[in-house]
Amino acid sequence: MAQDPSFQDVSLPLFPGSDEAPAQPLASGRLPSYIKDHRTRLRERFMAGGAAAMPDYELLELVLFRSIPRRDVKPLARQLLDTFGDFNRVVTASAERLAQIKGIGDAVITDLKVLEAAAHRMARARVMQRQVISSWDALLDYCHTIMAHRETEQFRILFLDRKNVLIADEEQSRGTVDHVPVYPREVAKRALELNASALILVHNHPSGDPTPSDSDIQMTDQIQAALTALGITLHDHLIIGKSAELSFRAQGYL
């Protein structure tokens, strides 16, 4: 894809020493205040106050600084937010959709995907090898982090031991915007392979509405029947929406 020369990107060290955007003097001869030493000021403000002190577009600018040196990236940051909606949706957008934005090249996409992977890894570390009941909020946060902003359905299985400690978290299948194929026999087979005593099913609804469909309910019943025959407990089935989740157990479906 042809690159806009004003947004050529290249990977650099995290905080390079001379990556300020070249200043273009105003008609009066003075430099625009938002350009002169802008990167340095923004980094200092971040280090002093953290992410909470910054709006989404400035946090996104900090990410883009590494990928696009010596350019004013504020317009690109705002364009990304206008296109995808918020910081989370920018970071989790697919590489294909990001590449459609003028000025976005391989270095920007790589850095955003590294950031996404780091967020997933950190959220996962809070729940793996932990007792699920005592870390339920962390588990929900993890599920939202990895699934809430996906554009297609994903079906994951959380495998628990007899003490309800999470021993494995696996993606079982991917689907379309409104369907994901799930095979109860394969779910039960994998539970036996891992010597799991209980499972939690998790899938997302890209529409944002976590209300279960008839096929969701039917599929859950089939998996529960297969697991019950093997003496394995189905603790819950979580549907992850954009900003909320639905628990089959809490809603009486299980």
C-alpha atoms as a PDB file:
ATOM      1  CA  MET A   1       0.000   0.000   0.000  1.00  0.00           C
ATOM      2  CA  ALA A   2       1.367   3.449  -0.944  1.00  0.00           C
ATOM      3  CA  GLN A   3       2.570   5.468   2.061  1.00  0.00           C
ATOM      4  CA  ASP A   4       1.850   9.118   2.744  1.00  0.00           C
ATOM      5  CA  PRO A   5       5.386  10.611   2.976  1.00  0.00           C
ATOM      6  CA  SER A   6       4.331  12.591   6.041  1.00  0.00           C
ATOM      7  CA  PHE A   7       3.774   9.362   7.965  1.00  0.00           C
ATOM      8  CA  GLN A   8       6.609   7.036   6.921  1.00  0.00           C
ATOM      9  CA  ASP A   9       7.229   4.705   9.848  1.00  0.00           C
ATOM     10  CA  VAL A  10      10.217   2.815  11.191  1.00  0.00           C
ATOM     11  CA  SER A  11      10.904   1.075  14.501  1.00  0.00           C
ATOM     12  CA  LEU A  12      13.131   3.007  16.895  1.00  0.00           C
ATOM     13  CA  PRO A  13      14.226   2.684  20.525  1.00  0.00           C
ATOM     14  CA  LEU A  14      11.357   3.380  22.920  1.00  0.00           C
ATOM     15  CA  PHE A  15      12.439   6.935  23.862  1.00  0.00           C
ATOM     16  CA  PRO A  16      14.920   8.117  21.186  1.00  0.00           C
ATOM     17  CA  GLY A  17      16.783  11.282  22.005  1.00  0.00           C
ATOM     18  CA  SER A  18      16.079  13.337  18.887  1.00  0.00           C
ATOM     19  CA  ASP A  19      12.721  12.345  17.501  1.00  0.00           C
ATOM     20  CA  GLU A  20      10.894  15.660  17.830  1.00  0.00           C
ATOM     21  CA  ALA A  21       8.768  16.674  14.859  1.00  0.00           C
ATOM     22  CA  PRO A  22      10.516  19.263  12.679  1.00  0.00           C
ATOM     23  CA  ALA A  23       9.083  22.636  13.606  1.00  0.00           C
ATOM     24  CA  GLN A  24       7.373  24.684  10.913  1.00  0.00           C
ATOM     25  CA  PRO A  25       7.438  28.365  11.899  1.00  0.00           C
ATOM     26  CA  LEU A  26       4.233  30.356  11.805  1.00  0.00           C
ATOM     27  CA  ALA A  27       3.936  33.455   9.626  1.00  0.00           C
ATOM     28  CA  SER A  28       5.050  35.452  12.648  1.00  0.00           C
ATOM     29  CA  GLY A  29       8.231  33.409  12.843  1.00  0.00           C
ATOM     30  CA  ARG A  30       7.289  31.766  16.158  1.00  0.00           C
ATOM     31  CA  LEU A  31       7.038  28.004  16.506  1.00  0.00           C
ATOM     32  CA  PRO A  32       3.620  26.480  17.222  1.00  0.00           C
ATOM     33  CA  SER A  33       3.565  25.680  20.930  1.00  0.00           C
ATOM     34  CA  TYR A  34       2.077  22.238  20.346  1.00  0.00           C
ATOM     35  CA  ILE A  35       5.051  21.176  18.173  1.00  0.00           C
ATOM     36  CA  LYS A  36       8.110  22.603  19.890  1.00  0.00           C
ATOM     37  CA  ASP A  37       9.452  19.937  22.292  1.00  0.00           C
ATOM     38  CA  HIS A  38       5.988  18.334  22.198  1.00  0.00           C
ATOM     39  CA  ARG A  39       7.262  14.775  22.509  1.00  0.00           C
ATOM     40  CA  THR A  40       9.498  15.603  25.448  1.00  0.00           C
ATOM     41  CA  ARG A  41       6.701  17.388  27.297  1.00  0.00           C
ATOM     42  CA  LEU A  42       4.238  14.587  26.643  1.00  0.00           C
ATOM     43  CA  ARG A  43       6.648  11.942  27.926  1.00  0.00           C
ATOM     44  CA  GLU A  44       7.432  13.988  31.019  1.00  0.00           C
ATOM     45  CA  ARG A  45       3.736  14.412  31.761  1.00  0.00           C
ATOM     46  CA  PHE A  46       3.190  10.680  31.345  1.00  0.00           C
ATOM     47  CA  MET A  47       6.056   9.806  33.684  1.00  0.00           C
ATOM     48  CA  ALA A  48       4.789  12.307  36.258  1.00  0.00           C
ATOM     49  CA  GLY A  49       1.096  11.469  36.191  1.00  0.00           C
ATOM     50  CA  GLY A  50       0.728   8.160  34.377  1.00  0.00           C
ATOM     51  CA  ALA A  51      -1.909   7.191  31.831  1.00  0.00           C
ATOM     52  CA  ALA A  52      -4.750   8.503  34.007  1.00  0.00           C
ATOM     53  CA  ALA A  53      -3.536  12.041  33.358  1.00  0.00           C
ATOM     54  CA  MET A  54      -3.772  11.689  29.594  1.00  0.00           C
ATOM     55  CA  PRO A  55      -6.666  11.451  27.130  1.00  0.00           C
ATOM     56  CA  ASP A  56      -6.713   8.565  24.679  1.00  0.00           C
ATOM     57  CA  TYR A  57      -5.248  10.527  21.768  1.00  0.00           C
ATOM     58  CA  GLU A  58      -2.172  11.560  23.781  1.00  0.00           C
ATOM     59  CA  LEU A  59      -1.576   8.018  25.016  1.00  0.00           C
ATOM     60  CA  LEU A  60      -1.845   6.858  21.424  1.00  0.00           C
ATOM     61  CA  GLU A  61       0.621   9.564  20.384  1.00  0.00           C
ATOM     62  CA  LEU A  62       3.148   8.101  22.842  1.00  0.00           C
ATOM     63  CA  VAL A  63       2.766   4.720  21.147  1.00  0.00           C
ATOM     64  CA  LEU A  64       3.131   6.253  17.679  1.00  0.00           C
ATOM     65  CA  PHE A  65       6.268   8.203  18.680  1.00  0.00           C
ATOM     66  CA  ARG A  66       8.267   4.977  18.583  1.00  0.00           C
ATOM     67  CA  SER A  67       7.003   3.959  15.148  1.00  0.00           C
ATOM     68  CA  ILE A  68       6.992   7.344  13.419  1.00  0.00           C
ATOM     69  CA  PRO A  69      10.009   9.508  14.268  1.00  0.00           C
ATOM     70  CA  ARG A  70      10.259  13.240  13.798  1.00  0.00           C
ATOM     71  CA  ARG A  71       6.679  13.768  12.646  1.00  0.00           C
ATOM     72  CA  ASP A  72       3.613  15.340  14.208  1.00  0.00           C
ATOM     73  CA  VAL A  73       1.519  12.226  14.884  1.00  0.00           C
ATOM     74  CA  LYS A  74      -1.392  13.955  16.620  1.00  0.00           C
ATOM     75  CA  PRO A  75      -3.524  14.031  13.418  1.00  0.00           C
ATOM     76  CA  LEU A  76      -2.925  10.321  12.877  1.00  0.00           C
ATOM     77  CA  ALA A  77      -3.778   9.514  16.504  1.00  0.00           C
ATOM     78  CA  ARG A  78      -7.055  11.400  16.196  1.00  0.00           C
ATOM     79  CA  GLN A  79      -7.825   9.713  12.875  1.00  0.00           C
ATOM     80  CA  LEU A  80      -7.330   6.280  14.432  1.00  0.00           C
ATOM     81  CA  LEU A  81      -9.641   7.152  17.318  1.00  0.00           C
ATOM     82  CA  ASP A  82     -12.251   8.596  14.952  1.00  0.00           C
ATOM     83  CA  THR A  83     -12.113   5.384  12.901  1.00  0.00           C
ATOM     84  CA  PHE A  84     -12.140   2.782  15.677  1.00  0.00           C
ATOM     85  CA  GLY A  85     -13.760   4.606  18.590  1.00  0.00           C
ATOM     86  CA  ASP A  86     -11.358   4.380  21.525  1.00  0.00           C
ATOM     87  CA  PHE A  87      -7.834   3.358  22.535  1.00  0.00           C
ATOM     88  CA  ASN A  88      -8.776  -0.287  23.149  1.00  0.00           C
ATOM     89  CA  ARG A  89     -10.371  -0.672  19.746  1.00  0.00           C
ATOM     90  CA  VAL A  90      -7.356   0.883  18.022  1.00  0.00           C
ATOM     91  CA  VAL A  91      -4.943  -1.525  19.706  1.00  0.00           C
ATOM     92  CA  THR A  92      -7.150  -4.564  19.072  1.00  0.00           C
ATOM     93  CA  ALA A  93      -8.087  -3.675  15.483  1.00  0.00           C
ATOM     94  CA  SER A  94      -6.978  -6.247  12.926  1.00  0.00           C
ATOM     95  CA  ALA A  95      -3.804  -5.631  10.943  1.00  0.00           C
ATOM     96  CA  GLU A  96      -5.887  -5.598   7.775  1.00  0.00           C
ATOM     97  CA  ARG A  97      -8.136  -2.793   9.019  1.00  0.00           C
ATOM     98  CA  LEU A  98      -5.220  -0.791  10.407  1.00  0.00           C
ATOM     99  CA  ALA A  99      -3.438  -1.013   7.054  1.00  0.00           C
ATOM    100  CA  GLN A 100      -6.394   0.721   5.416  1.00  0.00           C
ATOM    101  CA  ILE A 101      -5.635   3.917   7.356  1.00  0.00           C
ATOM    102  CA  LYS A 102      -3.513   6.349   5.375  1.00  0.00           C
ATOM    103  CA  GLY A 103      -0.157   6.746   7.073  1.00  0.00           C
ATOM    104  CA  ILE A 104      -0.181   3.371   8.838  1.00  0.00           C
ATOM    105  CA  GLY A 105       2.624   1.017   7.838  1.00  0.00           C
ATOM    106  CA  ASP A 106       4.161  -2.203   9.082  1.00  0.00           C
ATOM    107  CA  ALA A 107       6.076  -0.613  11.974  1.00  0.00           C
ATOM    108  CA  VAL A 108       2.942   0.994  13.465  1.00  0.00           C
ATOM    109  CA  ILE A 109       0.937  -2.200  13.055  1.00  0.00           C
ATOM    110  CA  THR A 110       3.702  -4.274  14.663  1.00  0.00           C
ATOM    111  CA  ASP A 111       3.999  -1.929  17.642  1.00  0.00           C
ATOM    112  CA  LEU A 112       0.229  -1.910  18.198  1.00  0.00           C
ATOM    113  CA  LYS A 113       0.081  -5.706  18.012  1.00  0.00           C
ATOM    114  CA  VAL A 114       3.003  -5.998  20.470  1.00  0.00           C
ATOM    115  CA  LEU A 115       1.105  -3.697  22.831  1.00  0.00           C
ATOM    116  CA  GLU A 116      -2.015  -5.838  22.449  1.00  0.00           C
ATOM    117  CA  ALA A 117      -0.066  -9.047  23.107  1.00  0.00           C
ATOM    118  CA  ALA A 118       1.523  -7.521  26.219  1.00  0.00           C
ATOM    119  CA  ALA A 119      -1.908  -6.547  27.583  1.00  0.00           C
ATOM    120  CA  HIS A 120      -3.173 -10.080  26.983  1.00  0.00           C
ATOM    121  CA  ARG A 121      -0.119 -11.641  28.616  1.00  0.00           C
ATOM    122  CA  MET A 122      -0.401  -9.444  31.695  1.00  0.00           C
ATOM    123  CA  ALA A 123      -4.133 -10.097  32.107  1.00  0.00           C
ATOM    124  CA  ARG A 124      -3.599 -13.841  31.666  1.00  0.00           C
ATOM    125  CA  ALA A 125      -0.877 -13.898  34.314  1.00  0.00           C
ATOM    126  CA  ARG A 126      -3.413 -12.657  36.875  1.00  0.00           C
ATOM    127  CA  VAL A 127      -5.641 -15.712  36.455  1.00  0.00           C
ATOM    128  CA  MET A 128      -3.489 -18.698  35.453  1.00  0.00           C
ATOM    129  CA  GLN A 129      -2.766 -21.194  38.230  1.00  0.00           C
ATOM    130  CA  ARG A 130      -5.155 -19.336  40.538  1.00  0.00           C
ATOM    131  CA  GLN A 131      -8.347 -20.429  42.228  1.00  0.00           C
ATOM    132  CA  VAL A 132     -11.087 -19.161  39.934  1.00  0.00           C
ATOM    133  CA  ILE A 133     -13.741 -18.383  42.537  1.00  0.00           C
ATOM    134  CA  SER A 134     -11.407 -16.114  44.531  1.00  0.00           C
ATOM    135  CA  SER A 135     -10.156 -14.328  41.382  1.00  0.00           C
ATOM    136  CA  TRP A 136     -13.463 -14.062  39.494  1.00  0.00           C
ATOM    137  CA  ASP A 137     -13.167 -10.317  38.796  1.00  0.00           C
ATOM    138  CA  ALA A 138      -9.678 -10.823  37.385  1.00  0.00           C
ATOM    139  CA  LEU A 139     -11.016 -13.623  35.215  1.00  0.00           C
ATOM    140  CA  LEU A 140     -13.751 -11.389  33.815  1.00  0.00           C
ATOM    141  CA  ASP A 141     -11.195  -8.634  33.172  1.00  0.00           C
ATOM    142  CA  TYR A 142      -9.040 -11.120  31.288  1.00  0.00           C
ATOM    143  CA  CYS A 143     -11.950 -12.322  29.158  1.00  0.00           C
ATOM    144  CA  HIS A 144     -12.907  -8.745  28.277  1.00  0.00           C
ATOM    145  CA  THR A 145      -9.296  -7.836  27.477  1.00  0.00           C
ATOM    146  CA  ILE A 146      -8.826 -10.628  24.960  1.00  0.00           C
ATOM    147  CA  MET A 147     -12.335 -10.902  23.515  1.00  0.00           C
ATOM    148  CA  ALA A 148     -14.537  -7.832  23.951  1.00  0.00           C
ATOM    149  CA  HIS A 149     -13.272  -5.950  20.897  1.00  0.00           C
ATOM    150  CA  ARG A 150     -12.874  -8.808  18.453  1.00  0.00           C
ATOM    151  CA  GLU A 151     -14.683  -8.424  15.138  1.00  0.00           C
ATOM    152  CA  THR A 152     -15.510 -12.141  14.834  1.00  0.00           C
ATOM    153  CA  GLU A 153     -16.666 -14.739  17.341  1.00  0.00           C
ATOM    154  CA  GLN A 154     -14.128 -16.709  19.323  1.00  0.00           C
ATOM    155  CA  PHE A 155     -14.810 -19.698  21.568  1.00  0.00           C
ATOM    156  CA  ARG A 156     -12.434 -20.358  24.478  1.00  0.00           C
ATOM    157  CA  ILE A 157     -12.370 -23.022  27.166  1.00  0.00           C
ATOM    158  CA  LEU A 158     -10.994 -22.508  30.659  1.00  0.00           C
ATOM    159  CA  PHE A 159      -9.941 -25.839  32.178  1.00  0.00           C
ATOM    160  CA  LEU A 160      -9.949 -26.229  35.973  1.00  0.00           C
ATOM    161  CA  ASP A 161      -8.555 -28.872  38.300  1.00  0.00           C
ATOM    162  CA  ARG A 162     -10.432 -30.399  41.228  1.00  0.00           C
ATOM    163  CA  LYS A 163      -9.587 -27.373  43.388  1.00  0.00           C
ATOM    164  CA  ASN A 164     -10.999 -25.025  40.708  1.00  0.00           C
ATOM    165  CA  VAL A 165      -7.538 -23.750  39.864  1.00  0.00           C
ATOM    166  CA  LEU A 166      -7.200 -22.625  36.242  1.00  0.00           C
ATOM    167  CA  ILE A 167      -4.757 -25.031  34.608  1.00  0.00           C
ATOM    168  CA  ALA A 168      -5.265 -24.187  30.923  1.00  0.00           C
ATOM    169  CA  ASP A 169      -6.888 -21.559  28.750  1.00  0.00           C
ATOM    170  CA  GLU A 170      -7.320 -22.491  25.108  1.00  0.00           C
ATOM    171  CA  GLU A 171      -8.996 -21.118  22.018  1.00  0.00           C
ATOM    172  CA  GLN A 172     -11.170 -23.917  20.678  1.00  0.00           C
ATOM    173  CA  SER A 173     -12.425 -22.269  17.510  1.00  0.00           C
ATOM    174  CA  ARG A 174     -13.014 -19.035  15.611  1.00  0.00           C
ATOM    175  CA  GLY A 175     -16.013 -18.102  13.532  1.00  0.00           C
ATOM    176  CA  THR A 176     -17.765 -15.300  11.723  1.00  0.00           C
ATOM    177  CA  VAL A 177     -19.369 -12.124  13.030  1.00  0.00           C
ATOM    178  CA  ASP A 178     -22.322 -14.078  14.442  1.00  0.00           C
ATOM    179  CA  HIS A 179     -21.390 -17.763  14.560  1.00  0.00           C
ATOM    180  CA  VAL A 180     -18.600 -19.968  15.832  1.00  0.00           C
ATOM    181  CA  PRO A 181     -18.518 -23.759  15.299  1.00  0.00           C
ATOM    182  CA  VAL A 182     -18.248 -25.777  18.506  1.00  0.00           C
ATOM    183  CA  TYR A 183     -18.114 -29.569  18.772  1.00  0.00           C
ATOM    184  CA  PRO A 184     -19.088 -31.019  22.177  1.00  0.00           C
ATOM    185  CA  ARG A 185     -17.112 -34.218  21.525  1.00  0.00           C
ATOM    186  CA  GLU A 186     -13.915 -32.210  20.979  1.00  0.00           C
ATOM    187  CA  VAL A 187     -14.537 -30.182  24.134  1.00  0.00           C
ATOM    188  CA  ALA A 188     -14.962 -33.337  26.207  1.00  0.00           C
ATOM    189  CA  LYS A 189     -11.940 -34.994  24.582  1.00  0.00           C
ATOM    190  CA  ARG A 190      -9.678 -32.058  25.399  1.00  0.00           C
ATOM    191  CA  ALA A 191     -10.915 -31.965  29.009  1.00  0.00           C
ATOM    192  CA  LEU A 192      -9.908 -35.616  29.403  1.00  0.00           C
ATOM    193  CA  GLU A 193      -6.493 -34.980  27.836  1.00  0.00           C
ATOM    194  CA  LEU A 194      -5.812 -32.231  30.387  1.00  0.00           C
ATOM    195  CA  ASN A 195      -7.293 -34.235  33.276  1.00  0.00           C
ATOM    196  CA  ALA A 196      -9.623 -31.312  33.988  1.00  0.00           C
ATOM    197  CA  SER A 197     -12.343 -31.651  36.607  1.00  0.00           C
ATOM    198  CA  ALA A 198     -14.380 -28.641  35.517  1.00  0.00           C
ATOM    199  CA  LEU A 199     -14.742 -26.185  32.632  1.00  0.00           C
ATOM    200  CA  ILE A 200     -15.851 -22.627  31.969  1.00  0.00           C
ATOM    201  CA  LEU A 201     -16.904 -21.859  28.415  1.00  0.00           C
ATOM    202  CA  VAL A 202     -16.338 -18.344  27.081  1.00  0.00           C
ATOM    203  CA  HIS A 203     -17.251 -16.748  23.782  1.00  0.00           C
ATOM    204  CA  ASN A 204     -17.808 -13.215  22.550  1.00  0.00           C
ATOM    205  CA  HIS A 205     -20.576 -11.470  20.668  1.00  0.00           C
ATOM    206  CA  PRO A 206     -19.055  -8.910  18.257  1.00  0.00           C
ATOM    207  CA  SER A 207     -22.443  -7.154  18.143  1.00  0.00           C
ATOM    208  CA  GLY A 208     -21.777  -6.083  21.725  1.00  0.00           C
ATOM    209  CA  ASP A 209     -24.990  -7.633  23.091  1.00  0.00           C
ATOM    210  CA  PRO A 210     -24.203 -10.633  25.352  1.00  0.00           C
ATOM    211  CA  THR A 211     -27.748 -12.030  25.202  1.00  0.00           C
ATOM    212  CA  PRO A 212     -27.484 -15.749  24.302  1.00  0.00           C
ATOM    213  CA  SER A 213     -28.986 -16.998  21.062  1.00  0.00           C
ATOM    214  CA  ASP A 214     -31.012 -20.200  20.810  1.00  0.00           C
ATOM    215  CA  SER A 215     -27.973 -21.894  19.271  1.00  0.00           C
ATOM    216  CA  ASP A 216     -25.795 -20.715  22.194  1.00  0.00           C
ATOM    217  CA  ILE A 217     -28.211 -22.324  24.648  1.00  0.00           C
ATOM    218  CA  GLN A 218     -28.513 -25.523  22.627  1.00  0.00           C
ATOM    219  CA  MET A 219     -24.742 -25.845  22.235  1.00  0.00           C
ATOM    220  CA  THR A 220     -24.232 -25.321  25.973  1.00  0.00           C
ATOM    221  CA  ASP A 221     -26.773 -28.028  26.801  1.00  0.00           C
ATOM    222  CA  GLN A 222     -24.998 -30.459  24.456  1.00  0.00           C
ATOM    223  CA  ILE A 223     -21.601 -29.762  25.996  1.00  0.00           C
ATOM    224  CA  GLN A 224     -23.000 -30.105  29.509  1.00  0.00           C
ATOM    225  CA  ALA A 225     -24.507 -33.488  28.617  1.00  0.00           C
ATOM    226  CA  ALA A 226     -21.195 -34.704  27.177  1.00  0.00           C
ATOM    227  CA  LEU A 227     -19.258 -33.551  30.229  1.00  0.00           C
ATOM    228  CA  THR A 228     -21.763 -34.931  32.743  1.00  0.00           C
ATOM    229  CA  ALA A 229     -21.378 -38.395  31.209  1.00  0.00           C
ATOM    230  CA  LEU A 230     -17.656 -38.165  31.985  1.00  0.00           C
ATOM    231  CA  GLY A 231     -18.044 -36.788  35.503  1.00  0.00           C
ATOM    232  CA  ILE A 232     -16.771 -33.323  34.514  1.00  0.00           C
ATOM    233  CA  THR A 233     -18.515 -30.194  35.795  1.00  0.00           C
ATOM    234  CA  LEU A 234     -19.521 -27.270  33.595  1.00  0.00           C
ATOM    235  CA  HIS A 235     -19.270 -24.320  35.966  1.00  0.00           C
ATOM    236  CA  ASP A 236     -20.433 -21.595  33.616  1.00  0.00           C
ATOM    237  CA  HIS A 237     -20.680 -20.262  30.104  1.00  0.00           C
ATOM    238  CA  LEU A 238     -19.749 -16.593  29.778  1.00  0.00           C
ATOM    239  CA  ILE A 239     -20.761 -14.454  26.813  1.00  0.00           C
ATOM    240  CA  ILE A 240     -18.574 -11.369  26.483  1.00  0.00           C
ATOM    241  CA  GLY A 241     -20.101  -8.222  24.997  1.00  0.00           C
ATOM    242  CA  LYS A 242     -18.499  -4.848  24.377  1.00  0.00           C
ATOM    243  CA  SER A 243     -19.014  -3.535  27.898  1.00  0.00           C
ATOM    244  CA  ALA A 244     -20.825  -6.302  29.779  1.00  0.00           C
ATOM    245  CA  GLU A 245     -20.882 -10.064  30.108  1.00  0.00           C
ATOM    246  CA  LEU A 246     -23.625 -12.634  30.688  1.00  0.00           C
ATOM    247  CA  SER A 247     -23.240 -15.663  32.939  1.00  0.00           C
ATOM    248  CA  PHE A 248     -25.346 -18.710  32.067  1.00  0.00           C
ATOM    249  CA  ARG A 249     -25.130 -19.801  35.708  1.00  0.00           C
ATOM    250  CA  ALA A 250     -26.302 -16.442  37.068  1.00  0.00           C
ATOM    251  CA  GLN A 251     -29.142 -16.210  34.521  1.00  0.00           C
ATOM    252  CA  GLY A 252     -30.433 -19.712  35.256  1.00  0.00           C
ATOM    253  CA  TYR A 253     -29.434 -21.357  31.967  1.00  0.00           C
ATOM    254  CA  LEU A 254     -27.267 -23.840  33.894  1.00  0.00           C
END
